Amino acid sequence: MRVFLDTEFSNENLLKAELVSLALASEDGRECYLERDELPLACRHAVIHSRCPPMSIDEAKALISAAERH
């Protein structure tokens, strides 16, 4: 079984970044979304304003299928 992972970090420099959110979706439909209660002060403006709800398993599978075709 495959598990798909999505993360958001506080800035683009991963050596200094802090984890902001983590989403997991498995092929059997189980999903988990974790998000920090308080965002780090170093959080990029774009991350704060552009975070979206996690994808459903069907959305994740559709994206992967599209990527595998190309």
C-alpha atoms as a PDB file:
ATOM      1  CA  MET A   1       0.000   0.000   0.000  1.00  0.00           C
ATOM      2  CA  ARG A   2       1.259   3.467  -0.872  1.00  0.00           C
ATOM      3  CA  VAL A   3       0.960   6.455   1.449  1.00  0.00           C
ATOM      4  CA  PHE A   4       1.142   9.946  -0.011  1.00  0.00           C
ATOM      5  CA  LEU A   5       2.789  12.735   1.990  1.00  0.00           C
ATOM      6  CA  ASP A   6       2.457  16.516   1.755  1.00  0.00           C
ATOM      7  CA  THR A   7       4.256  19.035   3.967  1.00  0.00           C
ATOM      8  CA  GLU A   8       4.468  22.778   4.438  1.00  0.00           C
ATOM      9  CA  PHE A   9       7.523  24.459   5.938  1.00  0.00           C
ATOM     10  CA  SER A  10       7.993  27.921   7.421  1.00  0.00           C
ATOM     11  CA  ASN A  11      10.370  29.091   4.682  1.00  0.00           C
ATOM     12  CA  GLU A  12      12.154  27.912   1.558  1.00  0.00           C
ATOM     13  CA  ASN A  13      15.520  27.354   3.271  1.00  0.00           C
ATOM     14  CA  LEU A  14      14.985  23.834   4.605  1.00  0.00           C
ATOM     15  CA  LEU A  15      18.071  24.060   6.826  1.00  0.00           C
ATOM     16  CA  LYS A  16      16.319  26.812   8.824  1.00  0.00           C
ATOM     17  CA  ALA A  17      12.687  25.877   8.185  1.00  0.00           C
ATOM     18  CA  GLU A  18      10.211  24.571  10.725  1.00  0.00           C
ATOM     19  CA  LEU A  19       7.470  22.100   9.891  1.00  0.00           C
ATOM     20  CA  VAL A  20       4.080  23.854   9.683  1.00  0.00           C
ATOM     21  CA  SER A  21       1.774  21.055   8.502  1.00  0.00           C
ATOM     22  CA  LEU A  22       1.814  17.418   7.438  1.00  0.00           C
ATOM     23  CA  ALA A  23      -0.812  15.506   5.467  1.00  0.00           C
ATOM     24  CA  LEU A  24      -0.910  11.757   4.807  1.00  0.00           C
ATOM     25  CA  ALA A  25      -3.310   9.869   2.534  1.00  0.00           C
ATOM     26  CA  SER A  26      -3.218   6.105   1.979  1.00  0.00           C
ATOM     27  CA  GLU A  27      -4.512   4.163  -0.996  1.00  0.00           C
ATOM     28  CA  ASP A  28      -7.202   2.561   1.155  1.00  0.00           C
ATOM     29  CA  GLY A  29      -8.771   5.955   1.889  1.00  0.00           C
ATOM     30  CA  ARG A  30      -7.367   6.752   5.313  1.00  0.00           C
ATOM     31  CA  GLU A  31      -6.301  10.373   5.740  1.00  0.00           C
ATOM     32  CA  CYS A  32      -4.501  12.343   8.425  1.00  0.00           C
ATOM     33  CA  TYR A  33      -3.814  16.087   8.548  1.00  0.00           C
ATOM     34  CA  LEU A  34      -1.668  17.660  11.268  1.00  0.00           C
ATOM     35  CA  GLU A  35      -1.034  21.355  11.701  1.00  0.00           C
ATOM     36  CA  ARG A  36       0.823  23.378  14.308  1.00  0.00           C
ATOM     37  CA  ASP A  37      -1.329  25.313  16.759  1.00  0.00           C
ATOM     38  CA  GLU A  38       0.937  28.339  16.492  1.00  0.00           C
ATOM     39  CA  LEU A  39       2.836  29.225  13.353  1.00  0.00           C
ATOM     40  CA  PRO A  40       6.528  30.101  13.726  1.00  0.00           C
ATOM     41  CA  LEU A  41       7.363  33.804  13.446  1.00  0.00           C
ATOM     42  CA  ALA A  42       9.634  32.985  10.507  1.00  0.00           C
ATOM     43  CA  CYS A  43       6.667  31.691   8.506  1.00  0.00           C
ATOM     44  CA  ARG A  44       6.568  33.041   4.971  1.00  0.00           C
ATOM     45  CA  HIS A  45       3.609  35.306   4.222  1.00  0.00           C
ATOM     46  CA  ALA A  46       2.695  33.041   1.296  1.00  0.00           C
ATOM     47  CA  VAL A  47       2.519  29.937   3.505  1.00  0.00           C
ATOM     48  CA  ILE A  48       0.250  31.630   6.023  1.00  0.00           C
ATOM     49  CA  HIS A  49      -2.160  32.878   3.345  1.00  0.00           C
ATOM     50  CA  SER A  50      -2.085  30.020   0.852  1.00  0.00           C
ATOM     51  CA  ARG A  51      -2.448  26.890   2.976  1.00  0.00           C
ATOM     52  CA  CYS A  52      -5.291  24.832   1.590  1.00  0.00           C
ATOM     53  CA  PRO A  53      -7.301  21.978   3.025  1.00  0.00           C
ATOM     54  CA  PRO A  54      -5.661  18.581   2.482  1.00  0.00           C
ATOM     55  CA  MET A  55      -6.442  16.639  -0.677  1.00  0.00           C
ATOM     56  CA  SER A  56      -8.793  13.719  -0.615  1.00  0.00           C
ATOM     57  CA  ILE A  57      -7.396  10.321  -1.543  1.00  0.00           C
ATOM     58  CA  ASP A  58      -9.177  10.542  -4.917  1.00  0.00           C
ATOM     59  CA  GLU A  59      -7.578  13.916  -5.661  1.00  0.00           C
ATOM     60  CA  ALA A  60      -4.143  12.551  -4.719  1.00  0.00           C
ATOM     61  CA  LYS A  61      -4.605   9.467  -6.913  1.00  0.00           C
ATOM     62  CA  ALA A  62      -5.725  11.634  -9.846  1.00  0.00           C
ATOM     63  CA  LEU A  63      -2.626  13.829  -9.534  1.00  0.00           C
ATOM     64  CA  ILE A  64      -0.332  10.817  -9.349  1.00  0.00           C
ATOM     65  CA  SER A  65      -2.009   9.168 -12.345  1.00  0.00           C
ATOM     66  CA  ALA A  66      -1.604  12.369 -14.353  1.00  0.00           C
ATOM     67  CA  ALA A  67       2.070  12.634 -13.361  1.00  0.00           C
ATOM     68  CA  GLU A  68       2.739   8.990 -14.275  1.00  0.00           C
ATOM     69  CA  ARG A  69       1.275   9.547 -17.760  1.00  0.00           C
ATOM     70  CA  HIS A  70       3.772  12.317 -18.512  1.00  0.00           C
END
